[in-house]
Amino acid sequence: MTKVLILTSKKRVEKFSDLTNIPKDWDLIFGEDLTTDDAILYAGGDADFIFADAVREVSKNLIDNMSNLKLIHSEGVGYNKIDLDAAKEKGVYVCNNTAANSGAVAEHTILLMLGLQRRLLEGDQMVRSGQQIQAKGSFILEGISELGACHIGLVGMGSIAFETAKRLKPFGSKLSYFNRTRKIQTEKELGLSYLPLEELCKTCDIISLHLPVTPETTGLINQELLTLMKPTALLINTARGELVVQESLVTALVNGQIAGAGLDTLNPEPVTLDNPLLNLPEDYQYKLLFTPHIAGTTKQAFEKMHKTVWANILAVSQGEQPINCVNGL
């Protein structure tokens, strides 16, 4: 019997997966609430496949002790919590849903930009407390910028950054990017200019992060780069919280090194109440706009991602090669 160990929300699987094409003799083991490797192995150690939440750890210990394992599939785009080397060593495919939610994340990226520029949270609270006229007057005098007047720097140029740039063009924004390798065709197609990372930070009004988490990108946005940014600059992160040194971001916000940050992701997740970004002094709270890691979680994106997961599981069960393999098999 083929067994699939599901380490993500059962409710999501029931809502977004079309299971009618799954062989009826397959055993789906739901392990969302299992919190240790021992518990997971007890419940589904003989499983052939793992279907995991993008932020769920799949450890070397787990992989090494699942003798039937053939494929680990991330529910989303991220896969940095899966031990790629351990999986490769055992000949286990690791796959993700690359580009499946790129448009959704791009939309959310622009939402955070606009929300910060228009002081959405602060204005909402002032209206609710009867200070609508005071808010309007002070916002006008202090200055509200338009996206079209901004030089926006995209850090990374994968599918999400591409979709973000495509959506920003109609606003009239000047667009630049940094990537490990230049994308000449993309530059021509979208009218982008390439800048080294330090120059991007110095010159852009908004810096938007679109990188995966790797040893090289972890902590990339540190005190040194934050210090280079304009005091009016905004930082947007719809990628992963690990890209930003959070203590350095707190310092930059409190010291006025940058004007604000829009964050869909934090580190670690689930967020803990001692996270330094959740404990800014009250006078600085409106410099931050948080969303609960929902940039890529639209209905359409989840339907597309779940369809790919089950198609890959079926393919491997039939001896075929899956798509979106990220561990070199």
Protein backbone atom coordinates (compact mmCIF):
# COMPACT_ATOMS: atom_id res chain seq x y z
CA MET A 1 0.00 0.00 0.00
CA THR A 2 1.25 3.48 -0.88
CA LYS A 3 1.35 5.86 2.06
CA VAL A 4 1.47 9.66 2.00
CA LEU A 5 2.49 11.45 5.20
CA ILE A 6 0.85 14.88 5.20
CA LEU A 7 2.66 17.38 7.43
CA THR A 8 0.45 20.33 6.68
CA SER A 9 -3.08 21.44 7.46
CA LYS A 10 -5.69 18.73 6.94
CA LYS A 11 -8.28 21.46 6.38
CA ARG A 12 -6.17 22.96 3.59
CA VAL A 13 -5.75 19.59 1.90
CA GLU A 14 -9.49 18.98 2.08
CA LYS A 15 -10.24 22.47 0.73
CA PHE A 16 -7.67 22.85 -2.03
CA SER A 17 -6.81 19.30 -3.16
CA ASP A 18 -8.83 17.36 -5.69
CA LEU A 19 -8.29 13.85 -4.35
CA THR A 20 -10.54 12.12 -6.87
CA ASN A 21 -7.52 11.12 -8.98
CA ILE A 22 -5.69 9.57 -6.01
CA PRO A 23 -5.88 5.75 -6.01
CA LYS A 24 -8.48 4.69 -3.46
CA ASP A 25 -6.13 2.21 -1.79
CA TRP A 26 -3.62 4.93 -0.90
CA ASP A 27 -3.31 5.71 2.79
CA LEU A 28 -3.18 9.41 3.70
CA ILE A 29 -1.63 9.94 7.12
CA PHE A 30 -2.32 13.38 8.56
CA GLY A 31 0.45 14.47 10.92
CA GLU A 32 -0.12 18.21 11.25
CA ASP A 33 -0.15 17.99 15.06
CA LEU A 34 2.87 15.71 15.40
CA THR A 35 5.65 17.80 16.92
CA THR A 36 8.63 15.42 17.18
CA ASP A 37 10.46 13.15 14.78
CA ASP A 38 9.69 10.17 17.02
CA ALA A 39 5.96 10.88 16.85
CA ILE A 40 6.09 11.31 13.10
CA LEU A 41 8.05 8.08 12.63
CA TYR A 42 5.63 6.19 14.84
CA ALA A 43 2.66 7.40 12.82
CA GLY A 44 4.13 7.31 9.32
CA GLY A 45 7.68 6.02 9.33
CA ASP A 46 6.89 3.64 6.47
CA ALA A 47 5.40 6.34 4.24
CA ASP A 48 6.47 6.64 0.60
CA PHE A 49 5.88 10.38 0.31
CA ILE A 50 5.90 13.47 2.51
CA PHE A 51 3.66 16.45 1.71
CA ALA A 52 4.96 19.23 3.99
CA ASP A 53 4.03 22.78 4.89
CA ALA A 54 6.68 25.11 3.41
CA VAL A 55 7.79 26.14 6.91
CA ARG A 56 7.71 22.60 8.37
CA GLU A 57 11.10 21.05 9.18
CA VAL A 58 11.92 17.73 7.56
CA SER A 59 15.14 16.69 9.29
CA LYS A 60 17.98 14.38 8.35
CA ASN A 61 16.91 12.13 11.21
CA LEU A 62 13.44 11.83 9.74
CA ILE A 63 14.71 11.20 6.22
CA ASP A 64 17.29 8.62 7.33
CA ASN A 65 14.69 6.63 9.24
CA MET A 66 12.05 6.43 6.49
CA SER A 67 13.20 3.51 4.39
CA ASN A 68 10.39 3.73 1.81
CA LEU A 69 10.64 7.48 1.23
CA LYS A 70 10.78 8.55 -2.42
CA LEU A 71 9.69 12.19 -2.47
CA ILE A 72 9.37 15.17 -0.11
CA HIS A 73 7.17 17.91 -1.52
CA SER A 74 6.86 21.42 -0.14
CA GLU A 75 3.34 22.77 -0.15
CA GLY A 76 4.67 26.14 -1.25
CA VAL A 77 7.73 27.72 -2.83
CA GLY A 78 10.02 27.55 0.21
CA TYR A 79 12.05 24.43 0.99
CA ASN A 80 14.80 25.67 3.29
CA LYS A 81 13.45 23.64 6.23
CA ILE A 82 14.02 20.37 4.35
CA ASP A 83 17.47 18.73 4.63
CA LEU A 84 18.34 18.66 0.93
CA ASP A 85 21.68 16.90 1.36
CA ALA A 86 20.21 14.07 3.42
CA ALA A 87 17.46 13.59 0.85
CA LYS A 88 19.87 13.60 -2.07
CA GLU A 89 22.14 11.11 -0.33
CA LYS A 90 19.20 8.70 -0.03
CA GLY A 91 17.96 9.34 -3.57
CA VAL A 92 14.82 11.08 -2.35
CA TYR A 93 13.41 13.82 -4.56
CA VAL A 94 12.70 17.21 -2.96
CA CYS A 95 10.26 19.35 -4.95
CA ASN A 96 8.61 22.71 -4.49
CA ASN A 97 5.99 24.87 -6.18
CA THR A 98 8.28 27.31 -7.87
CA ALA A 99 6.50 30.29 -9.47
CA ALA A 100 3.04 28.97 -8.54
CA ASN A 101 2.20 32.00 -6.41
CA SER A 102 4.44 34.60 -8.03
CA GLY A 103 1.59 36.86 -9.09
CA ALA A 104 -0.03 36.69 -5.68
CA VAL A 105 3.21 37.61 -3.88
CA ALA A 106 3.84 40.43 -6.34
CA GLU A 107 0.42 41.92 -5.58
CA HIS A 108 1.08 41.70 -1.85
CA THR A 109 4.51 43.31 -2.24
CA ILE A 110 2.88 46.35 -3.80
CA LEU A 111 0.21 46.35 -1.09
CA LEU A 112 2.93 46.71 1.57
CA MET A 113 4.63 49.49 -0.38
CA LEU A 114 1.40 51.45 -0.69
CA GLY A 115 0.33 50.69 2.88
CA LEU A 116 3.51 52.22 4.24
CA GLN A 117 3.52 55.18 1.88
CA ARG A 118 -0.08 56.09 2.69
CA ARG A 119 0.44 55.42 6.43
CA LEU A 120 -2.45 52.99 6.36
CA LEU A 121 -2.32 51.73 9.95
CA GLU A 122 -1.78 55.11 11.52
CA GLY A 123 -4.51 56.75 9.45
CA ASP A 124 -6.97 53.98 10.25
CA GLN A 125 -6.37 54.33 13.97
CA MET A 126 -6.64 58.12 13.91
CA VAL A 127 -9.96 58.00 12.05
CA ARG A 128 -11.30 55.43 14.52
CA SER A 129 -10.35 57.73 17.39
CA GLY A 130 -12.08 60.75 15.86
CA GLN A 131 -8.92 62.43 14.51
CA GLN A 132 -9.64 62.24 10.81
CA ILE A 133 -9.05 65.94 10.08
CA GLN A 134 -5.85 65.99 12.17
CA ALA A 135 -4.54 62.95 10.31
CA LYS A 136 -5.35 64.41 6.91
CA GLY A 137 -3.71 67.72 7.75
CA SER A 138 -0.51 66.27 9.17
CA PHE A 139 -0.14 63.64 6.44
CA ILE A 140 -0.44 66.32 3.74
CA LEU A 141 2.10 68.62 5.36
CA GLU A 142 4.57 65.82 6.08
CA GLY A 143 4.28 64.57 2.50
CA ILE A 144 2.76 61.51 0.86
CA SER A 145 4.77 59.97 -1.97
CA GLU A 146 3.43 58.19 -5.02
CA LEU A 147 4.88 54.90 -6.27
CA GLY A 148 5.44 56.52 -9.65
CA ALA A 149 7.86 58.98 -8.08
CA CYS A 150 9.93 56.21 -6.46
CA HIS A 151 13.08 54.42 -7.51
CA ILE A 152 12.40 50.80 -6.50
CA GLY A 153 15.17 48.25 -6.07
CA LEU A 154 14.43 44.53 -6.31
CA VAL A 155 16.90 42.23 -4.58
CA GLY A 156 16.80 39.01 -6.57
CA MET A 157 15.26 38.51 -10.01
CA GLY A 158 13.33 35.25 -9.94
CA SER A 159 9.72 34.78 -10.95
CA ILE A 160 8.28 36.83 -8.05
CA ALA A 161 10.57 39.81 -8.65
CA PHE A 162 9.75 39.60 -12.37
CA GLU A 163 6.00 39.69 -11.66
CA THR A 164 6.50 42.54 -9.18
CA ALA A 165 8.44 44.58 -11.74
CA LYS A 166 5.79 43.88 -14.38
CA ARG A 167 3.06 45.20 -12.05
CA LEU A 168 5.09 48.26 -11.03
CA LYS A 169 5.70 49.44 -14.59
CA PRO A 170 2.21 50.98 -15.01
CA PHE A 171 2.79 53.05 -11.87
CA GLY A 172 5.71 54.73 -13.65
CA SER A 173 8.29 53.74 -11.05
CA LYS A 174 11.97 53.69 -11.92
CA LEU A 175 13.07 50.07 -11.49
CA SER A 176 16.47 48.58 -10.71
CA TYR A 177 17.55 45.17 -9.49
CA PHE A 178 20.42 43.17 -8.07
CA ASN A 179 20.93 39.49 -8.79
CA ARG A 180 23.90 37.14 -8.66
CA THR A 181 23.75 36.95 -12.45
CA ARG A 182 22.44 39.67 -14.72
CA LYS A 183 19.21 39.03 -16.61
CA ILE A 184 19.83 40.95 -19.81
CA GLN A 185 16.65 39.84 -21.55
CA THR A 186 14.59 40.76 -18.48
CA GLU A 187 16.27 44.17 -18.38
CA LYS A 188 15.21 44.80 -21.97
CA GLU A 189 11.70 43.42 -21.48
CA LEU A 190 10.88 45.41 -18.34
CA GLY A 191 13.16 48.42 -18.66
CA LEU A 192 15.21 47.48 -15.60
CA SER A 193 18.66 48.75 -14.74
CA TYR A 194 21.19 46.55 -12.95
CA LEU A 195 22.94 47.88 -9.85
CA PRO A 196 25.35 46.27 -7.38
CA LEU A 197 23.64 45.60 -4.05
CA GLU A 198 25.36 48.41 -2.16
CA GLU A 199 24.52 50.93 -4.89
CA LEU A 200 20.92 49.69 -4.96
CA CYS A 201 20.63 50.32 -1.21
CA LYS A 202 22.16 53.79 -1.51
CA THR A 203 20.02 55.05 -4.36
CA CYS A 204 16.58 53.42 -4.13
CA ASP A 205 13.54 54.73 -2.26
CA ILE A 206 12.13 51.23 -1.73
CA ILE A 207 14.13 48.00 -1.37
CA SER A 208 12.10 44.82 -1.93
CA LEU A 209 13.51 41.37 -1.11
CA HIS A 210 12.90 38.41 -3.43
CA LEU A 211 15.50 35.80 -2.50
CA PRO A 212 15.43 32.23 -1.19
CA VAL A 213 17.10 31.44 2.13
CA THR A 214 20.58 30.02 1.62
CA PRO A 215 23.78 30.23 3.69
CA GLU A 216 24.77 33.17 1.47
CA THR A 217 21.50 35.10 1.83
CA THR A 218 20.81 34.48 5.53
CA GLY A 219 21.24 37.80 7.35
CA LEU A 220 21.95 39.60 4.06
CA ILE A 221 20.15 42.76 5.16
CA ASN A 222 22.36 43.73 8.07
CA GLN A 223 23.43 46.90 9.82
CA GLU A 224 25.96 47.73 7.12
CA LEU A 225 23.41 47.68 4.28
CA LEU A 226 20.69 49.35 6.34
CA THR A 227 23.09 52.21 7.10
CA LEU A 228 23.57 52.76 3.37
CA MET A 229 19.85 53.30 2.78
CA LYS A 230 18.17 56.69 2.60
CA PRO A 231 16.47 57.92 5.79
CA THR A 232 13.27 58.06 3.72
CA ALA A 233 13.69 54.50 2.36
CA LEU A 234 11.28 51.61 2.90
CA LEU A 235 12.25 47.93 3.19
CA ILE A 236 9.77 45.30 1.96
CA ASN A 237 10.15 41.60 2.72
CA THR A 238 7.72 39.09 1.23
CA ALA A 239 10.44 36.42 0.96
CA ARG A 240 11.74 34.96 4.22
CA GLY A 241 12.44 36.47 7.64
CA GLU A 242 15.91 34.92 7.75
CA LEU A 243 17.11 37.37 5.11
CA VAL A 244 17.01 40.25 7.61
CA VAL A 245 19.00 40.72 10.81
CA GLN A 246 16.00 41.75 12.88
CA GLU A 247 17.95 43.48 15.66
CA SER A 248 19.68 45.63 13.04
CA LEU A 249 16.34 46.55 11.50
CA VAL A 250 15.05 47.65 14.91
CA THR A 251 18.11 49.87 15.31
CA ALA A 252 17.67 51.33 11.83
CA LEU A 253 14.01 52.17 12.47
CA VAL A 254 14.58 53.70 15.91
CA ASN A 255 17.63 55.70 14.78
CA GLY A 256 15.89 56.99 11.66
CA GLN A 257 18.29 55.25 9.28
CA ILE A 258 15.25 54.14 7.26
CA ALA A 259 11.63 55.30 7.34
CA GLY A 260 9.75 52.01 7.57
CA ALA A 261 9.44 48.32 6.78
CA GLY A 262 6.65 46.14 5.43
CA LEU A 263 7.11 42.54 6.52
CA ASP A 264 5.11 39.48 5.54
CA THR A 265 7.71 37.16 7.11
CA LEU A 266 9.62 37.04 10.37
CA ASN A 267 12.17 34.75 11.98
CA PRO A 268 11.32 32.40 13.55
CA GLU A 269 7.80 31.46 12.54
CA PRO A 270 5.42 31.05 14.25
CA VAL A 271 6.40 34.46 15.57
CA THR A 272 7.33 34.67 19.24
CA LEU A 273 6.30 37.57 21.46
CA ASP A 274 9.93 38.32 22.31
CA ASN A 275 10.73 39.09 18.66
CA PRO A 276 12.49 42.48 18.74
CA LEU A 277 10.35 43.79 15.88
CA LEU A 278 7.22 43.24 17.97
CA ASN A 279 8.68 45.31 20.77
CA LEU A 280 9.51 48.63 19.16
CA PRO A 281 8.97 51.68 21.37
CA GLU A 282 5.42 52.98 20.95
CA ASP A 283 6.52 56.11 19.07
CA TYR A 284 7.92 53.93 16.26
CA GLN A 285 5.17 51.31 15.91
CA TYR A 286 3.71 52.80 12.73
CA LYS A 287 7.06 52.45 10.98
CA LEU A 288 6.25 48.74 10.69
CA LEU A 289 3.46 47.13 8.70
CA PHE A 290 3.04 43.40 9.35
CA THR A 291 1.03 40.79 7.49
CA PRO A 292 0.84 37.14 8.67
CA HIS A 293 2.85 35.45 5.88
CA ILE A 294 -0.08 35.46 3.47
CA ALA A 295 1.51 37.00 0.36
CA GLY A 296 1.32 33.79 -1.62
CA THR A 297 -1.70 32.18 0.00
CA THR A 298 -4.52 33.11 -2.34
CA LYS A 299 -7.19 30.56 -3.20
CA GLN A 300 -5.96 30.35 -6.78
CA ALA A 301 -2.34 29.84 -5.70
CA PHE A 302 -3.21 27.05 -3.27
CA GLU A 303 -5.32 25.22 -5.83
CA LYS A 304 -2.44 25.40 -8.29
CA MET A 305 0.16 24.29 -5.70
CA HIS A 306 -1.85 21.34 -4.43
CA LYS A 307 -2.50 20.20 -8.00
CA THR A 308 1.25 20.13 -8.63
CA VAL A 309 1.99 18.27 -5.38
CA TRP A 310 -0.39 15.43 -6.18
CA ALA A 311 0.70 15.29 -9.82
CA ASN A 312 4.32 14.88 -8.72
CA ILE A 313 3.43 12.24 -6.14
CA LEU A 314 1.51 10.28 -8.77
CA ALA A 315 4.37 10.64 -11.25
CA VAL A 316 6.99 9.29 -8.84
CA SER A 317 4.67 6.45 -7.79
CA GLN A 318 4.64 5.43 -11.46
CA GLY A 319 8.42 5.64 -11.80
CA GLU A 320 8.42 8.98 -13.59
CA GLN A 321 10.51 12.10 -12.98
CA PRO A 322 8.77 14.89 -11.01
CA ILE A 323 8.93 18.55 -11.95
CA ASN A 324 10.39 21.34 -9.79
CA CYS A 325 13.07 19.14 -8.19
CA VAL A 326 15.35 21.33 -6.05
CA ASN A 327 17.96 18.88 -4.72
CA GLY A 328 19.70 17.93 -7.95
CA LEU A 329 18.17 14.50 -8.60
